[in-house]
Amino acid sequence: MNAHLDVIATYLDLVQSLNTDPAAYAAVLHPEVEQTEFPNFLNKTIQRRSFDEILRNLRAGRELLRDPDFDVQHIHCAPSGTVIVEGLWQATAINDMLPIIRGHRITAQLSLIFEFRDDKIYRQRRYPCFNLF
């Protein structure tokens, strides 16, 4: 199996469990990682996150969400080593985040593009498409 797919699987498991242990992420994220999230329902502007900012974002997620789940639907491994993952992400809001109300199940089709350096995730681009109410 492609070693990059193992790294991605570990990363997705960490994110899905809302794990915030820096050592766990250091095993899969390059120290100079950059995560770019493109504008969407929740973020109106491009968000760029470093290693520490990714962890801060996950800590915030722990305060807002429960039962996150990412159902991978498609994976494409490009000859360049880039990996594209598509799937359905869901979580339940545990606090009001207007217009989202506590208890609402949030869903989004999500495309993730991963680039690697030193066998770790170096660049990640996120394209979330939230299903509105």
C-alpha atoms as a PDB file:
ATOM      1  CA  MET A   1       0.000   0.000   0.000  1.00  0.00           C
ATOM      2  CA  ASN A   2       1.135   3.545  -0.713  1.00  0.00           C
ATOM      3  CA  ALA A   3       2.928   4.879   2.409  1.00  0.00           C
ATOM      4  CA  HIS A   4       1.259   8.253   1.858  1.00  0.00           C
ATOM      5  CA  LEU A   5      -2.149   6.607   2.218  1.00  0.00           C
ATOM      6  CA  ASP A   6      -1.103   5.259   5.624  1.00  0.00           C
ATOM      7  CA  VAL A   7      -0.050   8.765   6.707  1.00  0.00           C
ATOM      8  CA  ILE A   8      -3.357  10.194   5.513  1.00  0.00           C
ATOM      9  CA  ALA A   9      -5.340   7.450   7.279  1.00  0.00           C
ATOM     10  CA  THR A  10      -3.522   8.174  10.544  1.00  0.00           C
ATOM     11  CA  TYR A  11      -4.064  11.916  10.115  1.00  0.00           C
ATOM     12  CA  LEU A  12      -7.778  11.493   9.385  1.00  0.00           C
ATOM     13  CA  ASP A  13      -8.161   9.228  12.434  1.00  0.00           C
ATOM     14  CA  LEU A  14      -6.512  11.879  14.632  1.00  0.00           C
ATOM     15  CA  VAL A  15      -8.736  14.639  13.244  1.00  0.00           C
ATOM     16  CA  GLN A  16     -11.884  12.528  13.473  1.00  0.00           C
ATOM     17  CA  SER A  17     -11.197  11.816  17.149  1.00  0.00           C
ATOM     18  CA  LEU A  18     -10.510  15.554  17.720  1.00  0.00           C
ATOM     19  CA  ASN A  19      -7.139  14.526  19.149  1.00  0.00           C
ATOM     20  CA  THR A  20      -4.981  17.556  20.001  1.00  0.00           C
ATOM     21  CA  ASP A  21      -1.740  15.811  21.022  1.00  0.00           C
ATOM     22  CA  PRO A  22       1.109  17.605  19.203  1.00  0.00           C
ATOM     23  CA  ALA A  23       3.313  14.487  19.315  1.00  0.00           C
ATOM     24  CA  ALA A  24       0.682  12.433  17.493  1.00  0.00           C
ATOM     25  CA  TYR A  25       0.472  15.041  14.730  1.00  0.00           C
ATOM     26  CA  ALA A  26       4.263  15.406  14.531  1.00  0.00           C
ATOM     27  CA  ALA A  27       4.334  11.820  13.254  1.00  0.00           C
ATOM     28  CA  VAL A  28       2.234  12.746  10.184  1.00  0.00           C
ATOM     29  CA  LEU A  29       2.568  16.510   9.665  1.00  0.00           C
ATOM     30  CA  HIS A  30       5.753  18.093   8.392  1.00  0.00           C
ATOM     31  CA  PRO A  31       7.033  20.816  10.767  1.00  0.00           C
ATOM     32  CA  GLU A  32       6.504  23.372   7.968  1.00  0.00           C
ATOM     33  CA  VAL A  33       3.018  22.118   7.077  1.00  0.00           C
ATOM     34  CA  GLU A  34       0.523  24.574   5.646  1.00  0.00           C
ATOM     35  CA  GLN A  35      -3.186  23.820   5.524  1.00  0.00           C
ATOM     36  CA  THR A  36      -5.221  26.022   3.201  1.00  0.00           C
ATOM     37  CA  GLU A  37      -9.003  26.039   3.561  1.00  0.00           C
ATOM     38  CA  PHE A  38     -10.859  27.756   0.770  1.00  0.00           C
ATOM     39  CA  PRO A  39     -13.893  30.000   1.394  1.00  0.00           C
ATOM     40  CA  ASN A  40     -17.038  28.232   2.480  1.00  0.00           C
ATOM     41  CA  PHE A  41     -20.166  28.554   4.600  1.00  0.00           C
ATOM     42  CA  LEU A  42     -18.183  28.838   7.850  1.00  0.00           C
ATOM     43  CA  ASN A  43     -15.103  30.732   6.653  1.00  0.00           C
ATOM     44  CA  LYS A  44     -15.704  33.539   4.179  1.00  0.00           C
ATOM     45  CA  THR A  45     -12.010  34.045   3.425  1.00  0.00           C
ATOM     46  CA  ILE A  46      -9.098  31.724   2.717  1.00  0.00           C
ATOM     47  CA  GLN A  47      -7.708  30.270   5.936  1.00  0.00           C
ATOM     48  CA  ARG A  48      -4.029  29.306   6.124  1.00  0.00           C
ATOM     49  CA  ARG A  49      -2.887  27.286   9.099  1.00  0.00           C
ATOM     50  CA  SER A  50       0.548  26.246  10.341  1.00  0.00           C
ATOM     51  CA  PHE A  51       1.169  23.189  12.527  1.00  0.00           C
ATOM     52  CA  ASP A  52       0.249  25.100  15.718  1.00  0.00           C
ATOM     53  CA  GLU A  53      -2.774  26.729  14.080  1.00  0.00           C
ATOM     54  CA  ILE A  54      -4.074  23.337  12.915  1.00  0.00           C
ATOM     55  CA  LEU A  55      -3.978  22.169  16.539  1.00  0.00           C
ATOM     56  CA  ARG A  56      -5.690  25.382  17.753  1.00  0.00           C
ATOM     57  CA  ASN A  57      -8.424  24.841  15.162  1.00  0.00           C
ATOM     58  CA  LEU A  58      -8.923  21.269  16.421  1.00  0.00           C
ATOM     59  CA  ARG A  59      -9.131  22.509  20.026  1.00  0.00           C
ATOM     60  CA  ALA A  60     -11.846  24.942  18.935  1.00  0.00           C
ATOM     61  CA  GLY A  61     -13.612  22.071  17.184  1.00  0.00           C
ATOM     62  CA  ARG A  62     -13.680  20.118  20.453  1.00  0.00           C
ATOM     63  CA  GLU A  63     -15.649  23.000  21.985  1.00  0.00           C
ATOM     64  CA  LEU A  64     -18.164  23.125  19.132  1.00  0.00           C
ATOM     65  CA  LEU A  65     -18.598  19.594  17.771  1.00  0.00           C
ATOM     66  CA  ARG A  66     -19.178  15.991  18.751  1.00  0.00           C
ATOM     67  CA  ASP A  67     -19.228  12.730  16.823  1.00  0.00           C
ATOM     68  CA  PRO A  68     -17.265  13.924  13.790  1.00  0.00           C
ATOM     69  CA  ASP A  69     -17.138  11.414  10.969  1.00  0.00           C
ATOM     70  CA  PHE A  70     -15.418  11.479   7.591  1.00  0.00           C
ATOM     71  CA  ASP A  71     -16.614   8.847   5.131  1.00  0.00           C
ATOM     72  CA  VAL A  72     -13.973   8.576   2.401  1.00  0.00           C
ATOM     73  CA  GLN A  73     -15.657   8.086  -0.972  1.00  0.00           C
ATOM     74  CA  HIS A  74     -12.783   8.444  -3.449  1.00  0.00           C
ATOM     75  CA  ILE A  75      -8.982   8.463  -3.333  1.00  0.00           C
ATOM     76  CA  HIS A  76      -6.724   9.333  -6.248  1.00  0.00           C
ATOM     77  CA  CYS A  77      -2.940   8.998  -6.110  1.00  0.00           C
ATOM     78  CA  ALA A  78      -1.281  11.182  -8.729  1.00  0.00           C
ATOM     79  CA  PRO A  79       2.083  10.238 -10.286  1.00  0.00           C
ATOM     80  CA  SER A  80       3.577  13.335  -8.592  1.00  0.00           C
ATOM     81  CA  GLY A  81       2.822  11.835  -5.160  1.00  0.00           C
ATOM     82  CA  THR A  82      -0.100  14.174  -4.533  1.00  0.00           C
ATOM     83  CA  VAL A  83      -3.127  12.401  -3.059  1.00  0.00           C
ATOM     84  CA  ILE A  84      -6.714  13.607  -3.499  1.00  0.00           C
ATOM     85  CA  VAL A  85      -9.337  12.421  -1.018  1.00  0.00           C
ATOM     86  CA  GLU A  86     -13.062  13.070  -1.373  1.00  0.00           C
ATOM     87  CA  GLY A  87     -15.728  12.234   1.144  1.00  0.00           C
ATOM     88  CA  LEU A  88     -18.668  13.198   3.303  1.00  0.00           C
ATOM     89  CA  TRP A  89     -17.866  14.924   6.598  1.00  0.00           C
ATOM     90  CA  GLN A  90     -20.440  15.140   9.386  1.00  0.00           C
ATOM     91  CA  ALA A  91     -20.506  16.327  12.997  1.00  0.00           C
ATOM     92  CA  THR A  92     -23.092  17.404  15.544  1.00  0.00           C
ATOM     93  CA  ALA A  93     -23.009  20.950  16.944  1.00  0.00           C
ATOM     94  CA  ILE A  94     -22.803  21.022  20.742  1.00  0.00           C
ATOM     95  CA  ASN A  95     -23.092  24.810  20.959  1.00  0.00           C
ATOM     96  CA  ASP A  96     -25.036  27.365  18.988  1.00  0.00           C
ATOM     97  CA  MET A  97     -22.969  28.783  16.103  1.00  0.00           C
ATOM     98  CA  LEU A  98     -25.595  30.881  14.388  1.00  0.00           C
ATOM     99  CA  PRO A  99     -27.193  29.948  12.098  1.00  0.00           C
ATOM    100  CA  ILE A 100     -26.277  26.434  13.285  1.00  0.00           C
ATOM    101  CA  ILE A 101     -28.189  25.378  16.384  1.00  0.00           C
ATOM    102  CA  ARG A 102     -26.951  23.008  19.076  1.00  0.00           C
ATOM    103  CA  GLY A 103     -27.874  19.434  18.168  1.00  0.00           C
ATOM    104  CA  HIS A 104     -27.901  20.134  14.411  1.00  0.00           C
ATOM    105  CA  ARG A 105     -26.010  17.609  12.265  1.00  0.00           C
ATOM    106  CA  ILE A 106     -23.622  19.535  10.025  1.00  0.00           C
ATOM    107  CA  THR A 107     -22.622  17.884   6.744  1.00  0.00           C
ATOM    108  CA  ALA A 108     -20.229  18.807   3.981  1.00  0.00           C
ATOM    109  CA  GLN A 109     -18.805  17.222   0.879  1.00  0.00           C
ATOM    110  CA  LEU A 110     -15.080  17.621   1.342  1.00  0.00           C
ATOM    111  CA  SER A 111     -12.181  17.421  -1.077  1.00  0.00           C
ATOM    112  CA  LEU A 112      -8.692  17.266   0.398  1.00  0.00           C
ATOM    113  CA  ILE A 113      -5.481  17.518  -1.577  1.00  0.00           C
ATOM    114  CA  PHE A 114      -2.301  16.352   0.155  1.00  0.00           C
ATOM    115  CA  GLU A 115       1.303  17.006  -0.842  1.00  0.00           C
ATOM    116  CA  PHE A 116       4.215  15.386   0.976  1.00  0.00           C
ATOM    117  CA  ARG A 117       7.758  16.176   2.041  1.00  0.00           C
ATOM    118  CA  ASP A 118       9.916  13.741   3.980  1.00  0.00           C
ATOM    119  CA  ASP A 119       6.960  11.288   3.917  1.00  0.00           C
ATOM    120  CA  LYS A 120       4.805  13.675   5.962  1.00  0.00           C
ATOM    121  CA  ILE A 121       1.941  15.960   4.986  1.00  0.00           C
ATOM    122  CA  TYR A 122       3.546  19.193   3.818  1.00  0.00           C
ATOM    123  CA  ARG A 123       0.634  20.942   2.101  1.00  0.00           C
ATOM    124  CA  GLN A 124      -3.061  20.309   2.469  1.00  0.00           C
ATOM    125  CA  ARG A 125      -5.789  22.099   0.557  1.00  0.00           C
ATOM    126  CA  ARG A 126      -9.366  21.778   1.809  1.00  0.00           C
ATOM    127  CA  TYR A 127     -12.440  22.452  -0.299  1.00  0.00           C
ATOM    128  CA  PRO A 128     -15.519  22.034   1.938  1.00  0.00           C
ATOM    129  CA  CYS A 129     -18.966  22.326   0.420  1.00  0.00           C
ATOM    130  CA  PHE A 130     -21.453  22.504   3.296  1.00  0.00           C
ATOM    131  CA  ASN A 131     -24.972  21.203   2.828  1.00  0.00           C
ATOM    132  CA  LEU A 132     -27.178  24.069   3.932  1.00  0.00           C
ATOM    133  CA  PHE A 133     -30.305  23.516   5.925  1.00  0.00           C
END
